[in-house]
C-alpha atoms as a PDB file:
ATOM      1  CA  UNK A   1       3.544 -20.641   6.765  1.00  0.00           C
ATOM      2  CA  UNK A   2       5.056 -23.269   9.041  1.00  0.00           C
ATOM      3  CA  UNK A   3       1.754 -24.603  10.340  1.00  0.00           C
ATOM      4  CA  UNK A   4      -0.011 -24.550   6.935  1.00  0.00           C
ATOM      5  CA  UNK A   5       2.941 -26.367   5.382  1.00  0.00           C
ATOM      6  CA  UNK A   6       2.820 -28.962   8.146  1.00  0.00           C
ATOM      7  CA  UNK A   7      -0.897 -29.687   7.785  1.00  0.00           C
ATOM      8  CA  UNK A   8      -1.306 -29.027   4.048  1.00  0.00           C
ATOM      9  CA  UNK A   9      -4.702 -29.002   2.381  1.00  0.00           C
ATOM     10  CA  UNK A  10      -6.995 -26.005   2.762  1.00  0.00           C
ATOM     11  CA  UNK A  11      -4.858 -24.165   5.368  1.00  0.00           C
ATOM     12  CA  UNK A  12      -1.916 -24.276   2.966  1.00  0.00           C
ATOM     13  CA  UNK A  13      -4.055 -23.124   0.038  1.00  0.00           C
ATOM     14  CA  UNK A  14      -5.350 -20.139   2.055  1.00  0.00           C
ATOM     15  CA  UNK A  15      -1.852 -19.184   3.240  1.00  0.00           C
ATOM     16  CA  UNK A  16      -0.417 -19.382  -0.283  1.00  0.00           C
ATOM     17  CA  UNK A  17      -3.314 -17.329  -1.662  1.00  0.00           C
ATOM     18  CA  UNK A  18      -2.743 -14.676   1.011  1.00  0.00           C
ATOM     19  CA  UNK A  19       1.009 -14.413   0.457  1.00  0.00           C
ATOM     20  CA  UNK A  20       0.535 -14.285  -3.315  1.00  0.00           C
ATOM     21  CA  UNK A  21      -1.178 -10.912  -2.801  1.00  0.00           C
ATOM     22  CA  UNK A  22       1.497  -9.442  -0.505  1.00  0.00           C
ATOM     23  CA  UNK A  23       4.317  -7.111  -1.448  1.00  0.00           C
ATOM     24  CA  UNK A  24       7.706  -8.597  -0.575  1.00  0.00           C
ATOM     25  CA  UNK A  25      10.471  -5.994  -0.524  1.00  0.00           C
ATOM     26  CA  UNK A  26      14.209  -6.676  -0.678  1.00  0.00           C
ATOM     27  CA  UNK A  27      16.175  -5.913   2.464  1.00  0.00           C
ATOM     28  CA  UNK A  28      18.649  -3.066   2.177  1.00  0.00           C
ATOM     29  CA  UNK A  29      21.916  -2.847   4.067  1.00  0.00           C
ATOM     30  CA  UNK A  30      20.613   0.290   5.731  1.00  0.00           C
ATOM     31  CA  UNK A  31      17.520  -1.545   6.996  1.00  0.00           C
ATOM     32  CA  UNK A  32      19.679  -4.433   8.241  1.00  0.00           C
ATOM     33  CA  UNK A  33      21.898  -2.043  10.214  1.00  0.00           C
ATOM     34  CA  UNK A  34      18.860  -0.253  11.611  1.00  0.00           C
ATOM     35  CA  UNK A  35      17.390  -3.621  12.628  1.00  0.00           C
ATOM     36  CA  UNK A  36      20.628  -4.562  14.381  1.00  0.00           C
ATOM     37  CA  UNK A  37      20.522  -1.291  16.331  1.00  0.00           C
ATOM     38  CA  UNK A  38      16.891  -1.961  17.253  1.00  0.00           C
ATOM     39  CA  UNK A  39      17.852  -5.460  18.402  1.00  0.00           C
ATOM     40  CA  UNK A  40      20.677  -4.009  20.508  1.00  0.00           C
ATOM     41  CA  UNK A  41      18.218  -1.665  22.264  1.00  0.00           C
ATOM     42  CA  UNK A  42      15.532  -4.320  22.747  1.00  0.00           C
ATOM     43  CA  UNK A  43      17.294  -7.548  23.700  1.00  0.00           C
ATOM     44  CA  UNK A  44      14.024  -9.491  23.904  1.00  0.00           C
ATOM     45  CA  UNK A  45      13.376  -8.735  20.234  1.00  0.00           C
ATOM     46  CA  UNK A  46      14.725 -11.365  17.880  1.00  0.00           C
ATOM     47  CA  UNK A  47      16.649 -10.294  14.778  1.00  0.00           C
ATOM     48  CA  UNK A  48      14.009 -11.573  12.280  1.00  0.00           C
ATOM     49  CA  UNK A  49      11.403  -9.497  14.119  1.00  0.00           C
ATOM     50  CA  UNK A  50      13.666  -6.445  14.115  1.00  0.00           C
ATOM     51  CA  UNK A  51      14.163  -6.878  10.355  1.00  0.00           C
ATOM     52  CA  UNK A  52      10.400  -6.956   9.822  1.00  0.00           C
ATOM     53  CA  UNK A  53       9.875  -3.819  11.885  1.00  0.00           C
ATOM     54  CA  UNK A  54      12.701  -1.858  10.264  1.00  0.00           C
ATOM     55  CA  UNK A  55      11.759  -2.949   6.763  1.00  0.00           C
ATOM     56  CA  UNK A  56       8.378  -1.298   7.265  1.00  0.00           C
ATOM     57  CA  UNK A  57       9.832   2.185   7.777  1.00  0.00           C
ATOM     58  CA  UNK A  58      11.003   3.023   4.219  1.00  0.00           C
ATOM     59  CA  UNK A  59       7.683   1.684   2.907  1.00  0.00           C
ATOM     60  CA  UNK A  60       5.863   4.314   4.986  1.00  0.00           C
ATOM     61  CA  UNK A  61       3.798   1.574   6.604  1.00  0.00           C
ATOM     62  CA  UNK A  62       1.002   2.946   8.727  1.00  0.00           C
ATOM     63  CA  UNK A  63       0.826  -0.078  10.990  1.00  0.00           C
ATOM     64  CA  UNK A  64       2.519  -3.419  11.560  1.00  0.00           C
ATOM     65  CA  UNK A  65       0.095  -6.185  12.461  1.00  0.00           C
ATOM     66  CA  UNK A  66       1.336  -9.057  14.599  1.00  0.00           C
ATOM     67  CA  UNK A  67       0.105 -11.764  16.904  1.00  0.00           C
ATOM     68  CA  UNK A  68       3.297 -11.417  18.956  1.00  0.00           C
ATOM     69  CA  UNK A  69       2.258  -9.745  22.212  1.00  0.00           C
ATOM     70  CA  UNK A  70       5.908  -8.977  23.033  1.00  0.00           C
ATOM     71  CA  UNK A  71       5.877  -6.249  20.365  1.00  0.00           C
ATOM     72  CA  UNK A  72       3.114  -4.250  22.086  1.00  0.00           C
ATOM     73  CA  UNK A  73       5.415  -2.173  24.309  1.00  0.00           C
ATOM     74  CA  UNK A  74       8.154  -1.539  21.757  1.00  0.00           C
ATOM     75  CA  UNK A  75       8.946   2.044  20.829  1.00  0.00           C
ATOM     76  CA  UNK A  76      10.118   1.547  17.250  1.00  0.00           C
ATOM     77  CA  UNK A  77       8.601   4.472  15.379  1.00  0.00           C
ATOM     78  CA  UNK A  78       5.675   2.423  14.094  1.00  0.00           C
ATOM     79  CA  UNK A  79       2.166   1.723  15.262  1.00  0.00           C
ATOM     80  CA  UNK A  80       1.961  -1.934  16.240  1.00  0.00           C
ATOM     81  CA  UNK A  81      -1.340  -3.730  16.365  1.00  0.00           C
END
């Protein structure tokens, strides 16, 4: 959303339309603790990224899609694409 917000116009409209269709789940304390443990094991992983990955587990996500190539080698119990 940062880039679409910066440029506005059509990119912002597309981003807002996309996110309007997405499920946003609240973060549980259990997921936050699990994310902190993941972050402790993978120091290159930033806490926001760890929160995203751990939030996917209770949702039974089949895959997490990212453009972040640093996630490719992580062993986090999820398929990362």
